[in-house]
Amino acid sequence: MTRKMILCFSLILLQHTRLPAQEQPKPVFPSTTFNKEEANSLLNNGTATLNGVVLKKKRNPDNTYLGIVVTLFPCTAYFDDWYALQKKNKKGKTMAMMSPEAYSYRIVTKASDEDGTFSFHGLKPGRYYLQTMVRQGKMKTMLNEVGTSTTVGYNVFGQAVSTYTEPIYEEFKLFYDTNDLVKTFIEVTAEGQVVNVKL
């Protein structure tokens, strides 16, 4: 093998080994400095209440609400910067990330298994971001090929002149789960306020 062939082979190998790294989204962080005092003040010692309900997208016989968790973030300057970065990621080339400290300033609650209701208490006036993953049980009717049927055509003399084979299908029901991200912004405008929201 000549030196030129070895060099070409090495370049091809190098390009292939770099492909997986290029496909991975690049993590990006907000340029705004996280202010823990600002975040802490919104999540503590307030008197406002947020009552919400997670809505079913489709009625199903199973319990769609089991295990649904709702997360609330205070909309600080740092959070707004993070959300703006997330909206820019349309081609999947970057991934908006929060610092571990900023991510810890959130409240998590579990929605009722019976009707999907949830509540957050002790909030102060300000903007908040809510998100949850809604698990939906769905059903789809599909076809499964179980055999074939052959039709033979005969002429007036009783001789077979043509054959036609077609598949035989049987219907079956496929049950599966989907997980959809549901999110919204809410605003508390006064102490003692009760805000109602649907997700």
N, C-alpha and C. Protein backbone atom coordinates (compact mmCIF):
# COMPACT_ATOMS: atom_id res chain seq x y z
N MET A 1 0.86 -1.20 0.00
CA MET A 1 0.00 0.00 0.00
C MET A 1 0.89 1.24 0.00
N THR A 2 0.63 2.14 -0.93
CA THR A 2 1.46 3.34 -1.04
C THR A 2 1.14 4.33 0.05
N ARG A 3 2.05 5.31 0.25
CA ARG A 3 1.83 6.34 1.27
C ARG A 3 0.60 7.17 0.97
N LYS A 4 0.35 7.44 -0.36
CA LYS A 4 -0.82 8.24 -0.74
C LYS A 4 -2.10 7.51 -0.38
N MET A 5 -2.16 6.19 -0.62
CA MET A 5 -3.35 5.41 -0.29
C MET A 5 -3.57 5.36 1.22
N ILE A 6 -2.48 5.22 1.96
CA ILE A 6 -2.58 5.19 3.43
C ILE A 6 -3.12 6.51 3.95
N LEU A 7 -2.65 7.63 3.38
CA LEU A 7 -3.10 8.95 3.80
C LEU A 7 -4.59 9.14 3.52
N CYS A 8 -5.05 8.72 2.32
CA CYS A 8 -6.47 8.84 1.97
C CYS A 8 -7.33 8.00 2.90
N PHE A 9 -6.87 6.77 3.19
CA PHE A 9 -7.62 5.90 4.08
C PHE A 9 -7.71 6.49 5.49
N SER A 10 -6.63 7.11 5.94
CA SER A 10 -6.61 7.72 7.27
C SER A 10 -7.58 8.90 7.36
N LEU A 11 -7.65 9.70 6.27
CA LEU A 11 -8.56 10.83 6.26
C LEU A 11 -10.02 10.39 6.28
N ILE A 12 -10.34 9.35 5.53
CA ILE A 12 -11.71 8.81 5.51
C ILE A 12 -12.08 8.29 6.88
N LEU A 13 -11.18 7.54 7.52
CA LEU A 13 -11.42 7.00 8.85
C LEU A 13 -11.63 8.10 9.86
N LEU A 14 -10.85 9.18 9.77
CA LEU A 14 -10.96 10.31 10.68
C LEU A 14 -12.31 11.00 10.54
N GLN A 15 -12.77 11.15 9.29
CA GLN A 15 -14.08 11.78 9.06
C GLN A 15 -15.20 10.96 9.66
N HIS A 16 -15.14 9.63 9.52
CA HIS A 16 -16.19 8.76 10.05
C HIS A 16 -16.20 8.74 11.57
N THR A 17 -15.03 8.83 12.18
CA THR A 17 -14.98 8.81 13.64
C THR A 17 -15.48 10.12 14.24
N ARG A 18 -15.49 11.20 13.46
CA ARG A 18 -15.94 12.48 13.97
C ARG A 18 -17.45 12.70 13.80
N LEU A 19 -18.09 11.92 12.95
CA LEU A 19 -19.51 12.11 12.67
C LEU A 19 -20.40 12.05 13.90
N PRO A 20 -20.28 11.02 14.76
CA PRO A 20 -21.17 10.96 15.93
C PRO A 20 -21.07 12.20 16.81
N ALA A 21 -19.84 12.74 16.97
CA ALA A 21 -19.67 13.92 17.82
C ALA A 21 -20.37 15.14 17.21
N GLN A 22 -20.38 15.24 15.87
CA GLN A 22 -21.02 16.37 15.22
C GLN A 22 -22.54 16.29 15.34
N GLU A 23 -23.09 15.08 15.44
CA GLU A 23 -24.53 14.90 15.51
C GLU A 23 -25.08 15.21 16.90
N GLN A 24 -24.25 15.22 17.91
CA GLN A 24 -24.70 15.49 19.26
C GLN A 24 -24.99 16.99 19.43
N PRO A 25 -26.17 17.35 20.02
CA PRO A 25 -26.46 18.77 20.24
C PRO A 25 -25.47 19.39 21.23
N LYS A 26 -25.11 20.62 20.96
CA LYS A 26 -24.16 21.33 21.81
C LYS A 26 -24.89 21.97 22.98
N PRO A 27 -24.47 21.68 24.23
CA PRO A 27 -25.12 22.31 25.38
C PRO A 27 -24.78 23.80 25.47
N VAL A 28 -25.80 24.62 25.67
CA VAL A 28 -25.60 26.07 25.82
C VAL A 28 -26.29 26.53 27.11
N PHE A 29 -25.67 27.47 27.80
CA PHE A 29 -26.19 27.97 29.07
C PHE A 29 -26.53 29.46 28.94
N PRO A 30 -27.47 29.94 29.72
CA PRO A 30 -27.80 31.37 29.70
C PRO A 30 -26.58 32.23 30.03
N SER A 31 -26.49 33.38 29.38
CA SER A 31 -25.39 34.29 29.68
C SER A 31 -25.71 35.13 30.92
N THR A 32 -26.99 35.18 31.30
CA THR A 32 -27.41 35.93 32.49
C THR A 32 -26.93 35.23 33.75
N THR A 33 -26.47 35.98 34.71
CA THR A 33 -26.05 35.41 36.00
C THR A 33 -27.28 35.04 36.82
N PHE A 34 -27.27 33.83 37.37
CA PHE A 34 -28.42 33.38 38.17
C PHE A 34 -28.45 34.11 39.51
N ASN A 35 -29.61 34.67 39.84
CA ASN A 35 -29.81 35.41 41.08
C ASN A 35 -30.69 34.57 42.00
N LYS A 36 -30.07 33.87 42.96
CA LYS A 36 -30.85 32.97 43.82
C LYS A 36 -31.79 33.72 44.75
N GLU A 37 -31.44 34.96 45.13
CA GLU A 37 -32.33 35.75 45.98
C GLU A 37 -33.63 36.07 45.24
N GLU A 38 -33.53 36.39 43.94
CA GLU A 38 -34.71 36.67 43.14
C GLU A 38 -35.60 35.44 43.03
N ALA A 39 -34.99 34.29 42.76
CA ALA A 39 -35.76 33.05 42.62
C ALA A 39 -36.38 32.63 43.95
N ASN A 40 -35.61 32.75 45.01
CA ASN A 40 -36.09 32.35 46.33
C ASN A 40 -37.25 33.22 46.80
N SER A 41 -37.20 34.51 46.47
CA SER A 41 -38.25 35.42 46.93
C SER A 41 -39.60 35.10 46.27
N LEU A 42 -39.59 34.57 45.06
CA LEU A 42 -40.83 34.24 44.36
C LEU A 42 -41.46 32.94 44.86
N LEU A 43 -40.63 32.06 45.41
CA LEU A 43 -41.11 30.74 45.80
C LEU A 43 -41.43 30.62 47.29
N ASN A 44 -41.20 31.66 48.07
CA ASN A 44 -41.40 31.56 49.52
C ASN A 44 -42.14 32.77 50.09
N ASN A 45 -42.89 32.48 51.17
CA ASN A 45 -43.52 33.53 51.99
C ASN A 45 -44.57 34.36 51.26
N GLY A 46 -45.11 33.85 50.17
CA GLY A 46 -46.20 34.54 49.50
C GLY A 46 -47.55 33.99 49.98
N THR A 47 -48.62 34.60 49.55
CA THR A 47 -49.96 34.15 49.98
C THR A 47 -50.86 33.78 48.80
N ALA A 48 -50.31 33.79 47.58
CA ALA A 48 -51.11 33.45 46.40
C ALA A 48 -51.14 31.93 46.21
N THR A 49 -52.19 31.47 45.57
CA THR A 49 -52.38 30.04 45.31
C THR A 49 -52.65 29.81 43.82
N LEU A 50 -52.05 28.76 43.29
CA LEU A 50 -52.29 28.37 41.91
C LEU A 50 -52.98 27.01 41.90
N ASN A 51 -54.20 26.97 41.38
CA ASN A 51 -54.94 25.72 41.23
C ASN A 51 -55.01 25.36 39.75
N GLY A 52 -54.70 24.12 39.43
CA GLY A 52 -54.71 23.72 38.03
C GLY A 52 -55.27 22.33 37.83
N VAL A 53 -55.45 22.01 36.56
CA VAL A 53 -55.91 20.67 36.19
C VAL A 53 -55.23 20.27 34.88
N VAL A 54 -54.76 19.04 34.84
CA VAL A 54 -54.20 18.49 33.62
C VAL A 54 -55.34 17.85 32.84
N LEU A 55 -55.56 18.31 31.61
CA LEU A 55 -56.68 17.84 30.82
C LEU A 55 -56.32 16.61 30.00
N LYS A 56 -57.25 15.69 29.89
CA LYS A 56 -57.07 14.56 28.99
C LYS A 56 -57.31 15.04 27.56
N LYS A 57 -56.44 14.62 26.66
CA LYS A 57 -56.64 14.97 25.27
C LYS A 57 -57.70 14.08 24.62
N LYS A 58 -57.86 12.90 25.18
CA LYS A 58 -58.85 11.96 24.65
C LYS A 58 -59.30 11.07 25.78
N ARG A 59 -60.61 10.85 25.87
CA ARG A 59 -61.13 10.01 26.94
C ARG A 59 -60.76 8.55 26.66
N ASN A 60 -60.23 7.91 27.69
CA ASN A 60 -59.85 6.51 27.57
C ASN A 60 -60.36 5.74 28.79
N PRO A 61 -60.55 4.44 28.63
CA PRO A 61 -61.02 3.66 29.78
C PRO A 61 -59.98 3.52 30.88
N ASP A 62 -58.69 3.65 30.54
CA ASP A 62 -57.65 3.53 31.56
C ASP A 62 -57.45 4.87 32.26
N ASN A 63 -56.69 4.87 33.35
CA ASN A 63 -56.46 6.09 34.12
C ASN A 63 -55.25 6.82 33.56
N THR A 64 -55.49 7.87 32.80
CA THR A 64 -54.42 8.63 32.16
C THR A 64 -53.58 9.42 33.16
N TYR A 65 -54.15 9.73 34.33
CA TYR A 65 -53.49 10.65 35.26
C TYR A 65 -52.45 9.99 36.17
N LEU A 66 -52.34 8.69 36.17
CA LEU A 66 -51.43 8.03 37.10
C LEU A 66 -49.99 8.52 36.93
N GLY A 67 -49.40 8.99 38.03
CA GLY A 67 -47.99 9.36 38.03
C GLY A 67 -47.63 10.68 37.38
N ILE A 68 -48.60 11.54 37.09
CA ILE A 68 -48.30 12.81 36.44
C ILE A 68 -47.73 13.80 37.46
N VAL A 69 -46.59 14.39 37.13
CA VAL A 69 -45.91 15.36 38.00
C VAL A 69 -45.88 16.71 37.29
N VAL A 70 -46.22 17.78 38.00
CA VAL A 70 -46.22 19.13 37.46
C VAL A 70 -45.08 19.92 38.11
N THR A 71 -44.31 20.63 37.29
CA THR A 71 -43.17 21.41 37.78
C THR A 71 -43.41 22.89 37.54
N LEU A 72 -43.08 23.71 38.55
CA LEU A 72 -43.24 25.16 38.47
C LEU A 72 -41.88 25.83 38.62
N PHE A 73 -41.55 26.72 37.70
CA PHE A 73 -40.32 27.52 37.77
C PHE A 73 -40.69 29.01 37.89
N PRO A 74 -39.98 29.77 38.73
CA PRO A 74 -40.18 31.22 38.74
C PRO A 74 -39.50 31.83 37.52
N CYS A 75 -40.16 32.77 36.88
CA CYS A 75 -39.60 33.38 35.67
C CYS A 75 -38.65 34.51 36.04
N THR A 76 -37.46 34.14 36.43
CA THR A 76 -36.41 35.10 36.72
C THR A 76 -35.75 35.52 35.41
N ALA A 77 -34.84 36.48 35.46
CA ALA A 77 -34.11 36.90 34.27
C ALA A 77 -33.31 35.73 33.70
N TYR A 78 -32.76 34.89 34.59
CA TYR A 78 -31.99 33.72 34.16
C TYR A 78 -32.90 32.74 33.43
N PHE A 79 -34.10 32.49 33.98
CA PHE A 79 -35.02 31.55 33.35
C PHE A 79 -35.46 32.06 31.97
N ASP A 80 -35.78 33.35 31.87
CA ASP A 80 -36.19 33.92 30.59
C ASP A 80 -35.10 33.76 29.53
N ASP A 81 -33.85 33.90 29.95
CA ASP A 81 -32.72 33.72 29.05
C ASP A 81 -32.65 32.26 28.59
N TRP A 82 -32.84 31.33 29.53
CA TRP A 82 -32.84 29.90 29.20
C TRP A 82 -33.97 29.55 28.23
N TYR A 83 -35.15 30.09 28.47
CA TYR A 83 -36.30 29.79 27.62
C TYR A 83 -36.10 30.33 26.20
N ALA A 84 -35.48 31.50 26.10
CA ALA A 84 -35.18 32.08 24.79
C ALA A 84 -34.19 31.19 24.02
N LEU A 85 -33.20 30.64 24.74
CA LEU A 85 -32.26 29.72 24.11
C LEU A 85 -32.96 28.46 23.62
N GLN A 86 -33.93 27.99 24.40
CA GLN A 86 -34.67 26.78 24.04
C GLN A 86 -35.49 27.00 22.76
N LYS A 87 -36.08 28.18 22.62
CA LYS A 87 -36.89 28.49 21.45
C LYS A 87 -36.04 28.60 20.18
N LYS A 88 -34.77 28.97 20.33
CA LYS A 88 -33.89 29.09 19.18
C LYS A 88 -33.48 27.74 18.62
N ASN A 89 -33.60 26.71 19.41
CA ASN A 89 -33.13 25.38 19.03
C ASN A 89 -34.17 24.68 18.16
N LYS A 90 -34.29 25.09 16.90
CA LYS A 90 -35.28 24.51 16.01
C LYS A 90 -34.72 23.33 15.21
N LYS A 91 -33.42 23.28 15.02
CA LYS A 91 -32.82 22.21 14.22
C LYS A 91 -32.12 21.17 15.09
N GLY A 92 -32.22 21.30 16.40
CA GLY A 92 -31.62 20.31 17.29
C GLY A 92 -30.12 20.36 17.38
N LYS A 93 -29.51 21.50 16.97
CA LYS A 93 -28.05 21.60 17.01
C LYS A 93 -27.55 21.99 18.40
N THR A 94 -28.41 22.64 19.20
CA THR A 94 -28.02 23.03 20.55
C THR A 94 -29.05 22.52 21.55
N MET A 95 -28.65 22.46 22.81
CA MET A 95 -29.54 22.04 23.89
C MET A 95 -29.42 23.06 25.02
N ALA A 96 -30.51 23.79 25.30
CA ALA A 96 -30.49 24.79 26.36
C ALA A 96 -30.42 24.10 27.71
N MET A 97 -29.46 24.50 28.53
CA MET A 97 -29.23 23.88 29.83
C MET A 97 -29.30 24.93 30.93
N MET A 98 -29.70 24.47 32.15
CA MET A 98 -29.65 25.32 33.34
C MET A 98 -28.51 24.84 34.22
N SER A 99 -28.01 25.74 35.01
CA SER A 99 -27.02 25.32 36.01
C SER A 99 -27.74 24.50 37.08
N PRO A 100 -27.05 23.57 37.74
CA PRO A 100 -27.70 22.77 38.80
C PRO A 100 -28.34 23.63 39.88
N GLU A 101 -27.72 24.76 40.22
CA GLU A 101 -28.28 25.64 41.24
C GLU A 101 -29.59 26.26 40.77
N ALA A 102 -29.62 26.76 39.53
CA ALA A 102 -30.84 27.37 38.99
C ALA A 102 -31.96 26.34 38.89
N TYR A 103 -31.61 25.12 38.48
CA TYR A 103 -32.63 24.07 38.32
C TYR A 103 -33.24 23.66 39.66
N SER A 104 -32.48 23.83 40.73
CA SER A 104 -32.98 23.43 42.04
C SER A 104 -34.07 24.38 42.56
N TYR A 105 -34.15 25.58 41.98
CA TYR A 105 -35.17 26.54 42.42
C TYR A 105 -36.46 26.33 41.60
N ARG A 106 -37.16 25.29 41.98
CA ARG A 106 -38.42 24.92 41.34
C ARG A 106 -39.28 24.22 42.38
N ILE A 107 -40.58 24.10 42.11
CA ILE A 107 -41.48 23.35 42.99
C ILE A 107 -42.12 22.25 42.16
N VAL A 108 -42.17 21.07 42.72
CA VAL A 108 -42.74 19.91 42.03
C VAL A 108 -43.92 19.40 42.85
N THR A 109 -45.03 19.12 42.17
CA THR A 109 -46.20 18.55 42.84
C THR A 109 -46.78 17.44 41.98
N LYS A 110 -47.51 16.54 42.59
CA LYS A 110 -48.12 15.43 41.86
C LYS A 110 -49.60 15.72 41.62
N ALA A 111 -50.04 15.51 40.40
CA ALA A 111 -51.46 15.70 40.07
C ALA A 111 -52.27 14.55 40.64
N SER A 112 -53.53 14.82 40.97
CA SER A 112 -54.43 13.79 41.49
C SER A 112 -54.60 12.67 40.47
N ASP A 113 -54.52 11.42 40.94
CA ASP A 113 -54.71 10.28 40.04
C ASP A 113 -56.15 10.20 39.52
N GLU A 114 -57.09 10.79 40.26
CA GLU A 114 -58.50 10.66 39.89
C GLU A 114 -58.93 11.65 38.82
N ASP A 115 -58.53 12.93 38.97
CA ASP A 115 -59.03 13.94 38.03
C ASP A 115 -57.95 14.89 37.50
N GLY A 116 -56.68 14.67 37.86
CA GLY A 116 -55.60 15.49 37.32
C GLY A 116 -55.46 16.87 37.93
N THR A 117 -56.11 17.12 39.07
CA THR A 117 -55.99 18.44 39.71
C THR A 117 -54.69 18.55 40.50
N PHE A 118 -54.19 19.79 40.64
CA PHE A 118 -52.97 20.04 41.40
C PHE A 118 -53.01 21.47 41.93
N SER A 119 -52.14 21.77 42.91
CA SER A 119 -52.10 23.11 43.51
C SER A 119 -50.68 23.47 43.91
N PHE A 120 -50.39 24.77 43.85
CA PHE A 120 -49.15 25.33 44.39
C PHE A 120 -49.55 26.47 45.34
N HIS A 121 -48.94 26.49 46.52
CA HIS A 121 -49.28 27.49 47.53
C HIS A 121 -48.05 28.34 47.89
N GLY A 122 -48.29 29.48 48.51
CA GLY A 122 -47.21 30.33 49.02
C GLY A 122 -46.45 31.08 47.95
N LEU A 123 -47.13 31.41 46.83
CA LEU A 123 -46.46 32.14 45.74
C LEU A 123 -46.59 33.65 45.93
N LYS A 124 -45.64 34.37 45.40
CA LYS A 124 -45.67 35.82 45.41
C LYS A 124 -46.07 36.34 44.02
N PRO A 125 -46.48 37.60 43.91
CA PRO A 125 -46.77 38.16 42.59
C PRO A 125 -45.57 38.03 41.67
N GLY A 126 -45.83 37.60 40.44
CA GLY A 126 -44.77 37.39 39.46
C GLY A 126 -45.21 36.41 38.38
N ARG A 127 -44.30 36.15 37.43
CA ARG A 127 -44.58 35.20 36.36
C ARG A 127 -44.00 33.85 36.70
N TYR A 128 -44.71 32.80 36.30
CA TYR A 128 -44.28 31.43 36.56
C TYR A 128 -44.49 30.57 35.31
N TYR A 129 -43.66 29.55 35.21
CA TYR A 129 -43.72 28.63 34.08
C TYR A 129 -44.09 27.25 34.60
N LEU A 130 -45.08 26.62 33.98
CA LEU A 130 -45.53 25.30 34.37
C LEU A 130 -45.27 24.31 33.25
N GLN A 131 -44.88 23.10 33.61
CA GLN A 131 -44.75 22.07 32.60
C GLN A 131 -45.01 20.69 33.20
N THR A 132 -45.47 19.79 32.34
CA THR A 132 -45.71 18.42 32.76
C THR A 132 -45.66 17.51 31.54
N MET A 133 -45.45 16.23 31.77
CA MET A 133 -45.53 15.23 30.72
C MET A 133 -46.84 14.47 30.90
N VAL A 134 -47.69 14.50 29.88
CA VAL A 134 -48.98 13.83 29.94
C VAL A 134 -48.89 12.50 29.22
N ARG A 135 -49.10 11.43 29.98
CA ARG A 135 -49.10 10.10 29.39
C ARG A 135 -50.51 9.76 28.92
N GLN A 136 -50.63 9.37 27.66
CA GLN A 136 -51.93 9.04 27.10
C GLN A 136 -51.93 7.59 26.62
N GLY A 137 -52.93 6.84 27.04
CA GLY A 137 -53.11 5.51 26.50
C GLY A 137 -53.94 5.61 25.23
N LYS A 138 -53.43 5.07 24.13
CA LYS A 138 -54.13 5.18 22.85
C LYS A 138 -54.30 3.80 22.22
N MET A 139 -55.23 3.73 21.28
CA MET A 139 -55.50 2.49 20.59
C MET A 139 -55.60 2.75 19.09
N LYS A 140 -55.00 1.86 18.30
CA LYS A 140 -55.05 2.00 16.85
C LYS A 140 -55.44 0.65 16.25
N THR A 141 -56.37 0.69 15.28
CA THR A 141 -56.75 -0.53 14.58
C THR A 141 -55.80 -0.75 13.41
N MET A 142 -55.20 -1.95 13.34
CA MET A 142 -54.23 -2.25 12.30
C MET A 142 -54.60 -3.56 11.61
N LEU A 143 -53.94 -3.83 10.49
CA LEU A 143 -54.19 -5.04 9.72
C LEU A 143 -52.97 -5.94 9.73
N ASN A 144 -53.21 -7.23 9.88
CA ASN A 144 -52.14 -8.22 9.88
C ASN A 144 -52.43 -9.26 8.81
N GLU A 145 -51.46 -9.51 7.93
CA GLU A 145 -51.66 -10.50 6.87
C GLU A 145 -51.60 -11.91 7.45
N VAL A 146 -52.70 -12.66 7.27
CA VAL A 146 -52.79 -14.00 7.85
C VAL A 146 -52.79 -15.10 6.80
N GLY A 147 -52.79 -14.73 5.55
CA GLY A 147 -52.78 -15.74 4.49
C GLY A 147 -53.03 -15.10 3.14
N THR A 148 -53.30 -15.95 2.16
CA THR A 148 -53.59 -15.46 0.81
C THR A 148 -54.79 -16.22 0.25
N SER A 149 -55.43 -15.59 -0.72
CA SER A 149 -56.56 -16.20 -1.41
C SER A 149 -56.28 -16.16 -2.91
N THR A 150 -56.41 -17.33 -3.56
CA THR A 150 -56.13 -17.41 -5.00
C THR A 150 -57.42 -17.64 -5.78
N THR A 151 -57.65 -16.80 -6.75
CA THR A 151 -58.82 -16.91 -7.61
C THR A 151 -58.36 -17.38 -9.00
N VAL A 152 -59.01 -18.42 -9.52
CA VAL A 152 -58.66 -18.98 -10.83
C VAL A 152 -59.76 -18.65 -11.83
N GLY A 153 -59.38 -18.13 -12.99
CA GLY A 153 -60.33 -17.83 -14.05
C GLY A 153 -60.34 -18.92 -15.11
N TYR A 154 -61.54 -19.34 -15.52
CA TYR A 154 -61.69 -20.43 -16.49
C TYR A 154 -62.38 -19.90 -17.76
N ASN A 155 -62.04 -20.53 -18.90
CA ASN A 155 -62.74 -20.21 -20.14
C ASN A 155 -63.97 -21.11 -20.29
N VAL A 156 -64.65 -20.97 -21.42
CA VAL A 156 -65.89 -21.72 -21.62
C VAL A 156 -65.66 -23.23 -21.72
N PHE A 157 -64.42 -23.64 -21.95
CA PHE A 157 -64.10 -25.06 -22.06
C PHE A 157 -63.65 -25.66 -20.72
N GLY A 158 -63.70 -24.81 -19.65
CA GLY A 158 -63.31 -25.29 -18.32
C GLY A 158 -61.81 -25.32 -18.09
N GLN A 159 -61.07 -24.65 -18.94
CA GLN A 159 -59.62 -24.60 -18.80
C GLN A 159 -59.22 -23.35 -17.98
N ALA A 160 -58.27 -23.54 -17.08
CA ALA A 160 -57.76 -22.40 -16.28
C ALA A 160 -56.92 -21.50 -17.17
N VAL A 161 -57.33 -20.24 -17.26
CA VAL A 161 -56.61 -19.29 -18.13
C VAL A 161 -55.95 -18.15 -17.35
N SER A 162 -56.35 -17.96 -16.10
CA SER A 162 -55.74 -16.89 -15.30
C SER A 162 -55.84 -17.22 -13.82
N THR A 163 -54.91 -16.70 -13.06
CA THR A 163 -54.93 -16.83 -11.59
C THR A 163 -54.62 -15.47 -10.98
N TYR A 164 -55.26 -15.23 -9.86
CA TYR A 164 -55.04 -13.97 -9.15
C TYR A 164 -54.95 -14.26 -7.66
N THR A 165 -53.84 -13.87 -7.06
CA THR A 165 -53.62 -14.10 -5.63
C THR A 165 -53.63 -12.78 -4.89
N GLU A 166 -54.40 -12.71 -3.81
CA GLU A 166 -54.45 -11.50 -3.00
C GLU A 166 -54.30 -11.87 -1.53
N PRO A 167 -53.72 -10.96 -0.73
CA PRO A 167 -53.53 -11.25 0.71
C PRO A 167 -54.84 -11.20 1.47
N ILE A 168 -54.89 -11.95 2.56
CA ILE A 168 -56.03 -11.92 3.48
C ILE A 168 -55.57 -11.23 4.75
N TYR A 169 -56.30 -10.17 5.15
CA TYR A 169 -55.93 -9.40 6.33
C TYR A 169 -56.92 -9.63 7.46
N GLU A 170 -56.36 -9.54 8.67
CA GLU A 170 -57.18 -9.65 9.88
C GLU A 170 -56.93 -8.42 10.73
N GLU A 171 -57.99 -7.80 11.20
CA GLU A 171 -57.85 -6.61 12.04
C GLU A 171 -57.41 -6.97 13.46
N PHE A 172 -56.56 -6.13 14.05
CA PHE A 172 -56.21 -6.27 15.46
C PHE A 172 -56.02 -4.89 16.06
N LYS A 173 -56.16 -4.78 17.36
CA LYS A 173 -56.05 -3.50 18.06
C LYS A 173 -54.69 -3.40 18.74
N LEU A 174 -53.99 -2.30 18.45
CA LEU A 174 -52.68 -2.04 19.05
C LEU A 174 -52.85 -0.97 20.12
N PHE A 175 -52.48 -1.30 21.36
CA PHE A 175 -52.56 -0.36 22.48
C PHE A 175 -51.15 0.14 22.80
N TYR A 176 -51.01 1.45 22.94
CA TYR A 176 -49.69 2.03 23.19
C TYR A 176 -49.84 3.32 23.99
N ASP A 177 -48.71 3.79 24.56
CA ASP A 177 -48.68 5.01 25.36
C ASP A 177 -47.91 6.10 24.62
N THR A 178 -48.35 7.34 24.78
CA THR A 178 -47.60 8.49 24.27
C THR A 178 -47.31 9.43 25.44
N ASN A 179 -46.21 10.16 25.35
CA ASN A 179 -45.86 11.16 26.35
C ASN A 179 -45.71 12.51 25.67
N ASP A 180 -46.55 13.46 26.06
CA ASP A 180 -46.54 14.79 25.45
C ASP A 180 -46.17 15.85 26.48
N LEU A 181 -45.24 16.74 26.10
CA LEU A 181 -44.86 17.85 26.96
C LEU A 181 -45.92 18.94 26.85
N VAL A 182 -46.51 19.32 28.00
CA VAL A 182 -47.51 20.38 28.06
C VAL A 182 -46.94 21.50 28.93
N LYS A 183 -46.99 22.75 28.45
CA LYS A 183 -46.37 23.85 29.19
C LYS A 183 -47.19 25.12 29.02
N THR A 184 -47.06 26.03 29.97
CA THR A 184 -47.74 27.32 29.89
C THR A 184 -47.12 28.29 30.88
N PHE A 185 -47.41 29.58 30.68
CA PHE A 185 -46.99 30.62 31.61
C PHE A 185 -48.22 31.16 32.33
N ILE A 186 -48.06 31.47 33.61
CA ILE A 186 -49.14 32.12 34.37
C ILE A 186 -48.55 33.32 35.11
N GLU A 187 -49.42 34.24 35.48
CA GLU A 187 -48.96 35.44 36.20
C GLU A 187 -49.82 35.67 37.43
N VAL A 188 -49.15 35.86 38.55
CA VAL A 188 -49.81 36.24 39.80
C VAL A 188 -49.66 37.76 39.93
N THR A 189 -50.76 38.46 40.07
CA THR A 189 -50.71 39.93 40.07
C THR A 189 -50.85 40.54 41.46
N ALA A 190 -51.29 39.75 42.46
CA ALA A 190 -51.48 40.33 43.80
C ALA A 190 -51.36 39.24 44.86
N GLU A 191 -50.98 39.65 46.07
CA GLU A 191 -50.92 38.73 47.20
C GLU A 191 -52.35 38.21 47.49
N GLY A 192 -52.43 36.97 47.90
CA GLY A 192 -53.72 36.37 48.23
C GLY A 192 -54.55 35.95 47.03
N GLN A 193 -54.05 36.19 45.84
CA GLN A 193 -54.81 35.85 44.64
C GLN A 193 -54.87 34.34 44.44
N VAL A 194 -55.98 33.86 43.88
CA VAL A 194 -56.13 32.46 43.50
C VAL A 194 -56.20 32.40 41.98
N VAL A 195 -55.20 31.77 41.36
CA VAL A 195 -55.13 31.68 39.91
C VAL A 195 -55.51 30.25 39.49
N ASN A 196 -56.36 30.15 38.48
CA ASN A 196 -56.77 28.86 37.95
C ASN A 196 -56.20 28.67 36.55
N VAL A 197 -55.70 27.46 36.28
CA VAL A 197 -55.07 27.21 35.00
C VAL A 197 -55.40 25.78 34.54
N LYS A 198 -55.45 25.62 33.22
CA LYS A 198 -55.64 24.29 32.62
C LYS A 198 -54.44 23.95 31.77
N LEU A 199 -53.92 22.75 31.95
CA LEU A 199 -52.78 22.29 31.16
C LEU A 199 -53.24 21.25 30.14
